[in-house]
Amino acid sequence: MILKTAAVVFGFLAPVSAGTVSAADLHPIIEIETGYLFGGSENGKWVKAGQAAKSTAKKTTYQVYSLTKQAEQITAGKPKSVDEPCADTLMVSLSSKPKDGVIGLAATWNALPRRPVIADATRSVYVEAVGDFLKARGIADPKMRITRILRVDLEGDGEEEVLISATNYFFEDKSDHSAAPFPEAPIDSPRPGSIPSSFCDA
């Protein structure tokens, strides 16, 4: 889940600029399903989890976002280590877990100014693109299943990018938040019925 959520985090950070927050402001970002602390934003720059945790209050209000919309607000405690063997991993306790919640951001601005759209994960153009992507990286006969496709204008330039999440596990996934060996990878502005012009791993 952490890998898959990372792409969503970077998308939410797109509106952040040096003019958005003051130098004294820290805005931690958490993953809703587990309470995992990704890190935060301070003065338009990324802050690692360990540093963000030091400045996070004992009780912080987070605005929760699903993959496609702003949800409700929750509160969370101060980040704590999960101890060995992952002492560097920091988690927070949540007051609640809103349905479909993915990311929590402790900030007042709208972190989702351009709403993503969930696209058809069975479209052949995307299946072929992912297959070609894996073959180009030495996997001769890739076996994979696309689990989710999101279309969104990440850069605010009027052109949609596509985030694809795929896995090489073929068991039935009853959750929308399973970990994927192939994390979400942005494709540059595909046109309907065409192969995307560029494809990079996230």
N, C-alpha and C. Protein backbone atom coordinates (compact mmCIF):
# COMPACT_ATOMS: atom_id res chain seq x y z
N MET A 1 0.82 -1.21 0.00
CA MET A 1 0.00 0.00 0.00
C MET A 1 0.85 1.26 0.00
N ILE A 2 1.97 1.25 0.75
CA ILE A 2 2.81 2.43 0.84
C ILE A 2 3.33 2.83 -0.53
N LEU A 3 3.74 1.84 -1.34
CA LEU A 3 4.22 2.13 -2.68
C LEU A 3 3.12 2.74 -3.53
N LYS A 4 1.93 2.16 -3.45
CA LYS A 4 0.84 2.61 -4.29
C LYS A 4 0.37 4.01 -3.88
N THR A 5 0.44 4.30 -2.60
CA THR A 5 -0.03 5.59 -2.14
C THR A 5 0.95 6.70 -2.45
N ALA A 6 2.20 6.36 -2.65
CA ALA A 6 3.21 7.38 -2.89
C ALA A 6 2.87 8.28 -4.06
N ALA A 7 2.37 7.69 -5.13
CA ALA A 7 2.02 8.48 -6.30
C ALA A 7 0.92 9.48 -5.98
N VAL A 8 -0.01 9.08 -5.14
CA VAL A 8 -1.09 9.97 -4.76
C VAL A 8 -0.54 11.12 -3.93
N VAL A 9 0.40 10.83 -3.04
CA VAL A 9 1.01 11.87 -2.23
C VAL A 9 1.65 12.94 -3.09
N PHE A 10 2.44 12.52 -4.08
CA PHE A 10 3.12 13.48 -4.94
C PHE A 10 2.11 14.29 -5.73
N GLY A 11 1.00 13.69 -6.11
CA GLY A 11 -0.04 14.43 -6.80
C GLY A 11 -0.65 15.50 -5.90
N PHE A 12 -0.86 15.17 -4.62
CA PHE A 12 -1.42 16.13 -3.69
C PHE A 12 -0.46 17.27 -3.39
N LEU A 13 0.84 17.00 -3.49
CA LEU A 13 1.81 18.04 -3.21
C LEU A 13 1.92 19.05 -4.35
N ALA A 14 1.35 18.75 -5.49
CA ALA A 14 1.48 19.63 -6.66
C ALA A 14 1.08 21.07 -6.38
N PRO A 15 -0.02 21.34 -5.59
CA PRO A 15 -0.41 22.71 -5.38
C PRO A 15 0.50 23.46 -4.42
N VAL A 16 1.39 22.78 -3.70
CA VAL A 16 2.20 23.42 -2.69
C VAL A 16 3.29 24.26 -3.33
N SER A 17 3.43 25.49 -2.93
CA SER A 17 4.50 26.35 -3.43
C SER A 17 5.04 27.17 -2.27
N ALA A 18 6.14 27.83 -2.51
CA ALA A 18 6.74 28.64 -1.45
C ALA A 18 5.80 29.73 -0.98
N GLY A 19 4.86 30.12 -1.81
CA GLY A 19 3.93 31.16 -1.42
C GLY A 19 2.72 30.63 -0.69
N THR A 20 2.59 29.32 -0.57
CA THR A 20 1.41 28.72 0.03
C THR A 20 1.50 28.66 1.54
N VAL A 21 2.68 28.37 2.08
CA VAL A 21 2.84 28.22 3.52
C VAL A 21 4.01 29.08 3.97
N SER A 22 4.00 29.44 5.23
CA SER A 22 5.11 30.20 5.78
C SER A 22 6.21 29.27 6.22
N ALA A 23 7.38 29.83 6.46
CA ALA A 23 8.54 29.02 6.82
C ALA A 23 8.31 28.25 8.10
N ALA A 24 7.43 28.76 8.97
CA ALA A 24 7.21 28.11 10.26
C ALA A 24 6.17 27.01 10.17
N ASP A 25 5.49 26.87 9.07
CA ASP A 25 4.41 25.90 8.94
C ASP A 25 4.94 24.54 8.52
N LEU A 26 4.48 23.50 9.22
CA LEU A 26 4.76 22.13 8.83
C LEU A 26 3.43 21.42 8.62
N HIS A 27 3.30 20.72 7.50
CA HIS A 27 2.05 20.03 7.17
C HIS A 27 2.34 18.54 6.98
N PRO A 28 2.18 17.75 8.05
CA PRO A 28 2.44 16.31 7.92
C PRO A 28 1.42 15.62 7.01
N ILE A 29 1.85 14.52 6.40
CA ILE A 29 1.02 13.75 5.48
C ILE A 29 1.03 12.30 5.93
N ILE A 30 -0.15 11.72 6.08
CA ILE A 30 -0.26 10.35 6.58
C ILE A 30 -1.06 9.48 5.62
N GLU A 31 -0.86 8.18 5.74
CA GLU A 31 -1.64 7.19 4.99
C GLU A 31 -2.75 6.68 5.90
N ILE A 32 -3.97 6.71 5.42
CA ILE A 32 -5.12 6.49 6.29
C ILE A 32 -5.26 5.04 6.75
N GLU A 33 -5.05 4.09 5.89
CA GLU A 33 -5.30 2.70 6.26
C GLU A 33 -4.44 2.26 7.44
N THR A 34 -3.18 2.66 7.46
CA THR A 34 -2.27 2.19 8.50
C THR A 34 -1.86 3.27 9.50
N GLY A 35 -2.05 4.54 9.14
CA GLY A 35 -1.55 5.61 9.99
C GLY A 35 -0.09 5.93 9.75
N TYR A 36 0.48 5.41 8.66
CA TYR A 36 1.88 5.60 8.33
C TYR A 36 2.16 7.08 8.03
N LEU A 37 3.23 7.61 8.62
CA LEU A 37 3.63 8.99 8.37
C LEU A 37 4.61 9.03 7.20
N PHE A 38 4.19 9.63 6.11
CA PHE A 38 5.08 9.76 4.94
C PHE A 38 6.17 10.80 5.18
N GLY A 39 5.79 11.90 5.78
CA GLY A 39 6.66 13.04 5.95
C GLY A 39 5.79 14.27 6.00
N GLY A 40 6.26 15.37 5.42
CA GLY A 40 5.45 16.57 5.43
C GLY A 40 5.95 17.61 4.46
N SER A 41 5.27 18.74 4.44
CA SER A 41 5.64 19.86 3.59
C SER A 41 5.90 21.07 4.48
N GLU A 42 7.00 21.75 4.24
CA GLU A 42 7.33 22.95 4.98
C GLU A 42 7.92 23.98 4.02
N ASN A 43 7.26 25.12 3.91
CA ASN A 43 7.70 26.19 3.01
C ASN A 43 7.88 25.68 1.58
N GLY A 44 6.96 24.80 1.16
CA GLY A 44 7.00 24.31 -0.20
C GLY A 44 8.01 23.21 -0.45
N LYS A 45 8.68 22.74 0.59
CA LYS A 45 9.69 21.70 0.42
C LYS A 45 9.32 20.44 1.21
N TRP A 46 9.77 19.29 0.71
CA TRP A 46 9.49 18.01 1.35
C TRP A 46 10.32 17.84 2.61
N VAL A 47 9.68 17.36 3.69
CA VAL A 47 10.34 17.09 4.96
C VAL A 47 10.20 15.60 5.26
N LYS A 48 11.30 14.93 5.55
CA LYS A 48 11.27 13.50 5.83
C LYS A 48 10.50 13.21 7.12
N ALA A 49 10.04 11.97 7.24
CA ALA A 49 9.15 11.59 8.35
C ALA A 49 9.77 11.87 9.71
N GLY A 50 11.05 11.50 9.90
CA GLY A 50 11.69 11.68 11.19
C GLY A 50 11.72 13.13 11.62
N GLN A 51 12.02 14.01 10.69
CA GLN A 51 12.06 15.44 10.99
C GLN A 51 10.66 15.98 11.20
N ALA A 52 9.70 15.52 10.38
CA ALA A 52 8.32 15.99 10.50
C ALA A 52 7.72 15.59 11.85
N ALA A 53 8.07 14.40 12.33
CA ALA A 53 7.51 13.90 13.58
C ALA A 53 7.89 14.79 14.76
N LYS A 54 9.08 15.37 14.73
CA LYS A 54 9.54 16.20 15.84
C LYS A 54 8.70 17.46 16.00
N SER A 55 8.13 17.93 14.90
CA SER A 55 7.36 19.17 14.94
C SER A 55 5.85 18.94 14.92
N THR A 56 5.44 17.68 14.92
CA THR A 56 4.01 17.36 14.87
C THR A 56 3.43 17.36 16.28
N ALA A 57 2.29 18.01 16.44
CA ALA A 57 1.67 18.15 17.76
C ALA A 57 1.11 16.83 18.27
N LYS A 58 0.78 16.82 19.56
CA LYS A 58 0.21 15.61 20.17
C LYS A 58 -1.15 15.28 19.58
N LYS A 59 -1.86 16.30 19.10
CA LYS A 59 -3.14 16.10 18.44
C LYS A 59 -3.20 17.00 17.22
N THR A 60 -3.32 16.39 16.04
CA THR A 60 -3.29 17.13 14.79
C THR A 60 -4.53 16.82 13.98
N THR A 61 -5.11 17.85 13.36
CA THR A 61 -6.28 17.66 12.50
C THR A 61 -5.81 17.45 11.06
N TYR A 62 -6.36 16.42 10.43
CA TYR A 62 -6.01 16.08 9.05
C TYR A 62 -7.25 16.14 8.17
N GLN A 63 -7.09 16.70 6.99
CA GLN A 63 -8.12 16.62 5.96
C GLN A 63 -7.87 15.34 5.17
N VAL A 64 -8.88 14.50 5.09
CA VAL A 64 -8.74 13.21 4.43
C VAL A 64 -9.21 13.30 2.98
N TYR A 65 -8.45 12.64 2.09
CA TYR A 65 -8.80 12.59 0.68
C TYR A 65 -8.89 11.14 0.24
N SER A 66 -9.88 10.87 -0.60
CA SER A 66 -9.94 9.58 -1.28
C SER A 66 -9.13 9.72 -2.56
N LEU A 67 -9.19 8.74 -3.44
CA LEU A 67 -8.48 8.84 -4.71
C LEU A 67 -9.05 9.93 -5.61
N THR A 68 -10.32 10.27 -5.40
CA THR A 68 -10.98 11.18 -6.35
C THR A 68 -11.63 12.41 -5.72
N LYS A 69 -11.64 12.53 -4.40
CA LYS A 69 -12.33 13.67 -3.80
C LYS A 69 -11.85 13.93 -2.38
N GLN A 70 -12.20 15.11 -1.91
CA GLN A 70 -11.94 15.48 -0.52
C GLN A 70 -13.02 14.87 0.35
N ALA A 71 -12.62 14.26 1.46
CA ALA A 71 -13.58 13.59 2.33
C ALA A 71 -13.78 14.42 3.60
N GLU A 72 -13.60 13.80 4.76
CA GLU A 72 -13.87 14.48 6.02
C GLU A 72 -12.59 14.74 6.80
N GLN A 73 -12.73 15.41 7.94
CA GLN A 73 -11.59 15.67 8.80
C GLN A 73 -11.52 14.65 9.93
N ILE A 74 -10.29 14.31 10.32
CA ILE A 74 -10.06 13.44 11.47
C ILE A 74 -8.93 14.04 12.29
N THR A 75 -8.69 13.48 13.47
CA THR A 75 -7.54 13.87 14.26
C THR A 75 -6.64 12.66 14.46
N ALA A 76 -5.37 12.93 14.73
CA ALA A 76 -4.40 11.86 14.94
C ALA A 76 -3.40 12.29 16.00
N GLY A 77 -2.84 11.29 16.70
CA GLY A 77 -1.87 11.58 17.74
C GLY A 77 -0.48 11.85 17.18
N LYS A 78 0.47 12.06 18.07
CA LYS A 78 1.85 12.31 17.68
C LYS A 78 2.46 11.04 17.13
N PRO A 79 3.23 11.12 16.05
CA PRO A 79 3.84 9.92 15.46
C PRO A 79 4.74 9.19 16.44
N LYS A 80 4.65 7.85 16.38
CA LYS A 80 5.48 7.01 17.24
C LYS A 80 6.14 5.92 16.40
N SER A 81 7.31 5.49 16.83
CA SER A 81 8.03 4.42 16.14
C SER A 81 7.32 3.09 16.36
N VAL A 82 7.34 2.23 15.34
CA VAL A 82 6.76 0.90 15.47
C VAL A 82 7.77 -0.07 16.07
N ASP A 83 8.94 0.43 16.46
CA ASP A 83 10.01 -0.37 17.08
C ASP A 83 10.64 -1.33 16.09
N GLU A 84 11.51 -2.18 16.59
CA GLU A 84 12.26 -3.09 15.74
C GLU A 84 11.34 -4.12 15.09
N PRO A 85 11.66 -4.57 13.87
CA PRO A 85 12.87 -4.25 13.10
C PRO A 85 12.73 -3.00 12.23
N CYS A 86 11.66 -2.23 12.42
CA CYS A 86 11.42 -1.05 11.57
C CYS A 86 11.31 0.20 12.43
N ALA A 87 12.34 0.46 13.21
CA ALA A 87 12.30 1.57 14.16
C ALA A 87 12.15 2.92 13.48
N ASP A 88 12.56 3.02 12.22
CA ASP A 88 12.46 4.29 11.49
C ASP A 88 11.06 4.54 10.94
N THR A 89 10.20 3.52 11.01
CA THR A 89 8.83 3.68 10.52
C THR A 89 7.99 4.33 11.61
N LEU A 90 7.31 5.41 11.26
CA LEU A 90 6.52 6.17 12.21
C LEU A 90 5.04 6.08 11.87
N MET A 91 4.22 5.89 12.90
CA MET A 91 2.78 5.74 12.71
C MET A 91 2.05 6.68 13.66
N VAL A 92 0.81 7.01 13.30
CA VAL A 92 -0.05 7.79 14.18
C VAL A 92 -1.33 7.02 14.45
N SER A 93 -1.94 7.25 15.60
CA SER A 93 -3.25 6.67 15.91
C SER A 93 -4.32 7.62 15.40
N LEU A 94 -5.33 7.07 14.72
CA LEU A 94 -6.37 7.88 14.07
C LEU A 94 -7.66 7.87 14.88
N SER A 95 -8.36 9.01 14.89
CA SER A 95 -9.65 9.07 15.56
C SER A 95 -10.69 8.25 14.83
N SER A 96 -10.54 8.12 13.51
CA SER A 96 -11.44 7.31 12.69
C SER A 96 -10.78 7.08 11.34
N LYS A 97 -11.35 6.16 10.56
CA LYS A 97 -10.86 5.88 9.22
C LYS A 97 -12.01 6.06 8.23
N PRO A 98 -12.12 7.24 7.64
CA PRO A 98 -13.22 7.49 6.70
C PRO A 98 -13.21 6.48 5.56
N LYS A 99 -14.40 6.11 5.11
CA LYS A 99 -14.53 5.17 4.01
C LYS A 99 -13.84 5.72 2.77
N ASP A 100 -13.04 4.88 2.14
CA ASP A 100 -12.31 5.22 0.92
C ASP A 100 -11.18 6.22 1.16
N GLY A 101 -10.92 6.58 2.42
CA GLY A 101 -9.84 7.51 2.70
C GLY A 101 -8.49 6.91 2.34
N VAL A 102 -7.63 7.72 1.72
CA VAL A 102 -6.30 7.26 1.30
C VAL A 102 -5.21 8.08 1.97
N ILE A 103 -5.31 9.40 1.86
CA ILE A 103 -4.28 10.31 2.35
C ILE A 103 -4.88 11.30 3.32
N GLY A 104 -4.13 11.62 4.38
CA GLY A 104 -4.50 12.68 5.29
C GLY A 104 -3.46 13.77 5.26
N LEU A 105 -3.88 15.03 5.13
CA LEU A 105 -2.97 16.17 5.04
C LEU A 105 -3.37 17.20 6.08
N ALA A 106 -2.42 17.62 6.91
CA ALA A 106 -2.70 18.63 7.93
C ALA A 106 -2.49 20.02 7.34
N ALA A 107 -3.47 20.45 6.55
CA ALA A 107 -3.39 21.76 5.90
C ALA A 107 -4.80 22.21 5.54
N THR A 108 -4.96 23.52 5.34
CA THR A 108 -6.29 24.06 5.05
C THR A 108 -6.54 24.25 3.56
N TRP A 109 -5.47 24.22 2.74
CA TRP A 109 -5.68 24.41 1.31
C TRP A 109 -6.28 23.17 0.67
N ASN A 110 -6.86 23.34 -0.51
CA ASN A 110 -7.42 22.22 -1.26
C ASN A 110 -6.29 21.49 -1.98
N ALA A 111 -5.96 20.31 -1.50
CA ALA A 111 -4.85 19.53 -2.08
C ALA A 111 -5.27 18.74 -3.31
N LEU A 112 -6.52 18.86 -3.72
CA LEU A 112 -6.99 18.13 -4.89
C LEU A 112 -7.75 19.08 -5.81
N PRO A 113 -7.07 20.09 -6.34
CA PRO A 113 -7.76 21.09 -7.17
C PRO A 113 -8.24 20.54 -8.50
N ARG A 114 -7.60 19.47 -8.99
CA ARG A 114 -8.03 18.84 -10.23
C ARG A 114 -8.37 17.40 -9.92
N ARG A 115 -9.64 17.07 -10.02
CA ARG A 115 -10.12 15.77 -9.55
C ARG A 115 -9.71 14.63 -10.49
N PRO A 116 -9.07 13.58 -9.95
CA PRO A 116 -8.74 12.41 -10.77
C PRO A 116 -10.00 11.63 -11.16
N VAL A 117 -9.88 10.90 -12.25
CA VAL A 117 -10.97 10.04 -12.72
C VAL A 117 -10.45 8.61 -12.77
N ILE A 118 -11.19 7.68 -12.22
CA ILE A 118 -10.81 6.27 -12.28
C ILE A 118 -11.18 5.74 -13.66
N ALA A 119 -10.18 5.24 -14.38
CA ALA A 119 -10.38 4.78 -15.75
C ALA A 119 -10.49 3.25 -15.79
N ASP A 120 -10.91 2.76 -16.94
CA ASP A 120 -11.09 1.33 -17.17
C ASP A 120 -9.74 0.63 -17.20
N ALA A 121 -9.50 -0.25 -16.22
CA ALA A 121 -8.21 -0.93 -16.10
C ALA A 121 -8.05 -2.08 -17.10
N THR A 122 -9.08 -2.37 -17.87
CA THR A 122 -8.98 -3.48 -18.83
C THR A 122 -8.70 -3.01 -20.25
N ARG A 123 -8.59 -1.71 -20.46
CA ARG A 123 -8.36 -1.21 -21.83
C ARG A 123 -7.04 -1.73 -22.37
N SER A 124 -7.09 -2.24 -23.58
CA SER A 124 -5.93 -2.89 -24.18
C SER A 124 -4.75 -1.94 -24.36
N VAL A 125 -5.03 -0.65 -24.60
CA VAL A 125 -3.94 0.29 -24.82
C VAL A 125 -3.04 0.37 -23.58
N TYR A 126 -3.63 0.28 -22.38
CA TYR A 126 -2.85 0.35 -21.16
C TYR A 126 -2.18 -0.98 -20.86
N VAL A 127 -2.90 -2.07 -21.10
CA VAL A 127 -2.31 -3.40 -20.89
C VAL A 127 -1.07 -3.57 -21.76
N GLU A 128 -1.18 -3.17 -23.02
CA GLU A 128 -0.05 -3.28 -23.93
C GLU A 128 1.10 -2.37 -23.51
N ALA A 129 0.76 -1.16 -23.05
CA ALA A 129 1.79 -0.21 -22.64
C ALA A 129 2.58 -0.72 -21.45
N VAL A 130 1.87 -1.30 -20.47
CA VAL A 130 2.56 -1.86 -19.30
C VAL A 130 3.42 -3.06 -19.70
N GLY A 131 2.89 -3.91 -20.57
CA GLY A 131 3.66 -5.06 -21.06
C GLY A 131 4.92 -4.62 -21.77
N ASP A 132 4.82 -3.63 -22.64
CA ASP A 132 5.99 -3.12 -23.37
C ASP A 132 7.00 -2.50 -22.40
N PHE A 133 6.48 -1.81 -21.39
CA PHE A 133 7.34 -1.18 -20.38
C PHE A 133 8.18 -2.24 -19.65
N LEU A 134 7.54 -3.35 -19.27
CA LEU A 134 8.25 -4.42 -18.56
C LEU A 134 9.23 -5.15 -19.47
N LYS A 135 8.84 -5.36 -20.72
CA LYS A 135 9.74 -6.03 -21.67
C LYS A 135 11.00 -5.20 -21.89
N ALA A 136 10.83 -3.88 -21.95
CA ALA A 136 11.97 -3.00 -22.15
C ALA A 136 12.94 -3.04 -20.98
N ARG A 137 12.47 -3.58 -19.86
CA ARG A 137 13.32 -3.68 -18.67
C ARG A 137 13.73 -5.11 -18.38
N GLY A 138 13.71 -5.96 -19.43
CA GLY A 138 14.28 -7.29 -19.34
C GLY A 138 13.34 -8.40 -18.95
N ILE A 139 12.04 -8.12 -18.81
CA ILE A 139 11.08 -9.18 -18.50
C ILE A 139 10.48 -9.65 -19.82
N ALA A 140 10.95 -10.81 -20.29
CA ALA A 140 10.61 -11.27 -21.64
C ALA A 140 9.13 -11.56 -21.81
N ASP A 141 8.54 -12.20 -20.81
CA ASP A 141 7.13 -12.60 -20.92
C ASP A 141 6.39 -12.14 -19.67
N PRO A 142 6.11 -10.84 -19.57
CA PRO A 142 5.52 -10.31 -18.33
C PRO A 142 4.12 -10.83 -18.07
N LYS A 143 3.91 -11.26 -16.84
CA LYS A 143 2.59 -11.66 -16.37
C LYS A 143 2.15 -10.61 -15.36
N MET A 144 1.16 -9.86 -15.69
CA MET A 144 0.74 -8.79 -14.79
C MET A 144 -0.75 -8.53 -14.94
N ARG A 145 -1.29 -7.86 -13.95
CA ARG A 145 -2.71 -7.48 -13.93
C ARG A 145 -2.79 -6.03 -13.47
N ILE A 146 -3.41 -5.18 -14.27
CA ILE A 146 -3.60 -3.79 -13.88
C ILE A 146 -4.71 -3.73 -12.84
N THR A 147 -4.41 -3.12 -11.70
CA THR A 147 -5.39 -3.05 -10.62
C THR A 147 -6.11 -1.72 -10.55
N ARG A 148 -5.48 -0.66 -11.06
CA ARG A 148 -6.14 0.64 -11.02
C ARG A 148 -5.50 1.59 -12.03
N ILE A 149 -6.33 2.44 -12.63
CA ILE A 149 -5.85 3.50 -13.51
C ILE A 149 -6.54 4.81 -13.10
N LEU A 150 -5.74 5.83 -12.89
CA LEU A 150 -6.25 7.16 -12.60
C LEU A 150 -5.79 8.12 -13.67
N ARG A 151 -6.70 8.95 -14.13
CA ARG A 151 -6.37 10.01 -15.10
C ARG A 151 -6.52 11.36 -14.38
N VAL A 152 -5.47 12.20 -14.46
CA VAL A 152 -5.53 13.50 -13.79
C VAL A 152 -4.48 14.43 -14.39
N ASP A 153 -4.81 15.70 -14.42
CA ASP A 153 -3.86 16.72 -14.87
C ASP A 153 -2.99 17.09 -13.67
N LEU A 154 -1.87 16.40 -13.49
CA LEU A 154 -1.00 16.61 -12.34
C LEU A 154 -0.31 17.98 -12.37
N GLU A 155 0.03 18.45 -13.54
CA GLU A 155 0.86 19.64 -13.66
C GLU A 155 0.06 20.92 -13.89
N GLY A 156 -1.25 20.80 -14.05
CA GLY A 156 -2.07 21.98 -14.25
C GLY A 156 -1.87 22.65 -15.59
N ASP A 157 -1.42 21.87 -16.58
CA ASP A 157 -1.16 22.44 -17.90
C ASP A 157 -2.24 22.09 -18.92
N GLY A 158 -3.35 21.52 -18.44
CA GLY A 158 -4.44 21.17 -19.34
C GLY A 158 -4.29 19.81 -19.99
N GLU A 159 -3.18 19.12 -19.74
CA GLU A 159 -2.95 17.79 -20.31
C GLU A 159 -3.04 16.73 -19.21
N GLU A 160 -3.83 15.68 -19.44
CA GLU A 160 -3.97 14.62 -18.45
C GLU A 160 -2.77 13.69 -18.44
N GLU A 161 -2.34 13.30 -17.25
CA GLU A 161 -1.43 12.18 -17.09
C GLU A 161 -2.22 10.99 -16.59
N VAL A 162 -1.60 9.83 -16.67
CA VAL A 162 -2.26 8.59 -16.23
C VAL A 162 -1.38 7.89 -15.22
N LEU A 163 -1.97 7.49 -14.09
CA LEU A 163 -1.26 6.71 -13.09
C LEU A 163 -1.78 5.28 -13.14
N ILE A 164 -0.88 4.34 -13.37
CA ILE A 164 -1.26 2.94 -13.49
C ILE A 164 -0.66 2.15 -12.33
N SER A 165 -1.48 1.36 -11.68
CA SER A 165 -1.01 0.44 -10.65
C SER A 165 -1.23 -0.98 -11.17
N ALA A 166 -0.16 -1.78 -11.14
CA ALA A 166 -0.25 -3.16 -11.64
C ALA A 166 0.45 -4.11 -10.69
N THR A 167 0.12 -5.36 -10.78
CA THR A 167 0.69 -6.38 -9.91
C THR A 167 0.94 -7.65 -10.70
N ASN A 168 1.84 -8.50 -10.18
CA ASN A 168 2.01 -9.83 -10.79
C ASN A 168 1.36 -10.91 -9.94
N TYR A 169 0.50 -10.49 -8.99
CA TYR A 169 -0.30 -11.43 -8.23
C TYR A 169 -1.68 -11.52 -8.87
N PHE A 170 -2.20 -12.72 -8.95
CA PHE A 170 -3.47 -12.90 -9.66
C PHE A 170 -4.58 -13.42 -8.76
N PHE A 171 -4.35 -13.45 -7.43
CA PHE A 171 -5.43 -13.83 -6.53
C PHE A 171 -6.44 -12.70 -6.49
N GLU A 172 -7.66 -13.02 -6.02
CA GLU A 172 -8.70 -12.00 -5.97
C GLU A 172 -8.36 -10.99 -4.89
N ASP A 173 -8.28 -9.74 -5.26
CA ASP A 173 -7.96 -8.67 -4.33
C ASP A 173 -9.26 -8.02 -3.86
N LYS A 174 -9.65 -8.31 -2.61
CA LYS A 174 -10.90 -7.77 -2.08
C LYS A 174 -10.71 -6.39 -1.47
N SER A 175 -9.50 -5.90 -1.48
CA SER A 175 -9.20 -4.57 -0.97
C SER A 175 -8.67 -3.71 -2.10
N ASP A 176 -8.92 -2.41 -2.00
CA ASP A 176 -8.38 -1.48 -2.99
C ASP A 176 -6.99 -1.00 -2.60
N HIS A 177 -6.42 -1.59 -1.54
CA HIS A 177 -5.18 -1.04 -1.01
C HIS A 177 -4.10 -2.10 -0.85
N SER A 178 -4.06 -3.10 -1.70
CA SER A 178 -3.03 -4.12 -1.59
C SER A 178 -1.72 -3.61 -2.16
N ALA A 179 -0.62 -4.12 -1.62
CA ALA A 179 0.70 -3.69 -2.11
C ALA A 179 0.91 -4.23 -3.52
N ALA A 180 1.63 -3.47 -4.33
CA ALA A 180 1.86 -3.86 -5.72
C ALA A 180 3.34 -3.85 -6.03
N PRO A 181 3.88 -4.95 -6.58
CA PRO A 181 5.29 -4.96 -6.96
C PRO A 181 5.62 -3.92 -8.01
N PHE A 182 4.66 -3.56 -8.86
CA PHE A 182 4.86 -2.51 -9.84
C PHE A 182 4.06 -1.30 -9.40
N PRO A 183 4.70 -0.29 -8.78
CA PRO A 183 3.94 0.85 -8.28
C PRO A 183 3.35 1.68 -9.40
N GLU A 184 2.47 2.60 -9.01
CA GLU A 184 1.80 3.43 -9.99
C GLU A 184 2.81 4.21 -10.81
N ALA A 185 2.66 4.15 -12.11
CA ALA A 185 3.63 4.78 -13.00
C ALA A 185 2.92 5.77 -13.91
N PRO A 186 3.41 7.00 -13.96
CA PRO A 186 2.74 8.00 -14.79
C PRO A 186 3.01 7.80 -16.27
N ILE A 187 1.97 7.97 -17.06
CA ILE A 187 2.08 7.96 -18.51
C ILE A 187 1.74 9.35 -19.00
N ASP A 188 2.50 9.85 -19.94
CA ASP A 188 2.33 11.21 -20.40
C ASP A 188 1.22 11.34 -21.43
N SER A 189 0.09 11.91 -20.99
CA SER A 189 -0.98 12.38 -21.87
C SER A 189 -1.36 11.44 -23.00
N PRO A 190 -1.90 10.24 -22.73
CA PRO A 190 -2.32 9.38 -23.82
C PRO A 190 -3.59 9.89 -24.47
N ARG A 191 -3.71 9.66 -25.74
CA ARG A 191 -4.95 10.00 -26.44
C ARG A 191 -5.79 8.74 -26.57
N PRO A 192 -7.12 8.88 -26.58
CA PRO A 192 -7.99 7.72 -26.70
C PRO A 192 -7.61 6.85 -27.88
N GLY A 193 -7.40 5.55 -27.59
CA GLY A 193 -7.11 4.59 -28.64
C GLY A 193 -5.67 4.59 -29.10
N SER A 194 -4.80 5.34 -28.43
CA SER A 194 -3.41 5.41 -28.86
C SER A 194 -2.49 4.93 -27.75
N ILE A 195 -1.26 4.59 -28.14
CA ILE A 195 -0.25 4.21 -27.18
C ILE A 195 0.33 5.49 -26.58
N PRO A 196 0.49 5.56 -25.24
CA PRO A 196 1.02 6.78 -24.62
C PRO A 196 2.40 7.13 -25.18
N SER A 197 2.69 8.44 -25.20
CA SER A 197 3.94 8.89 -25.80
C SER A 197 5.13 8.63 -24.92
N SER A 198 4.95 8.56 -23.61
CA SER A 198 6.06 8.25 -22.72
C SER A 198 5.56 7.50 -21.51
N PHE A 199 6.46 6.74 -20.89
CA PHE A 199 6.07 5.84 -19.81
C PHE A 199 7.25 5.75 -18.87
N CYS A 200 7.08 6.10 -17.61
CA CYS A 200 8.19 6.02 -16.66
C CYS A 200 7.73 5.39 -15.37
N ASP A 201 8.66 4.69 -14.71
CA ASP A 201 8.30 4.05 -13.44
C ASP A 201 8.35 5.05 -12.32
N ALA A 202 7.47 4.84 -11.31
CA ALA A 202 7.40 5.76 -10.18
C ALA A 202 8.23 5.23 -9.03
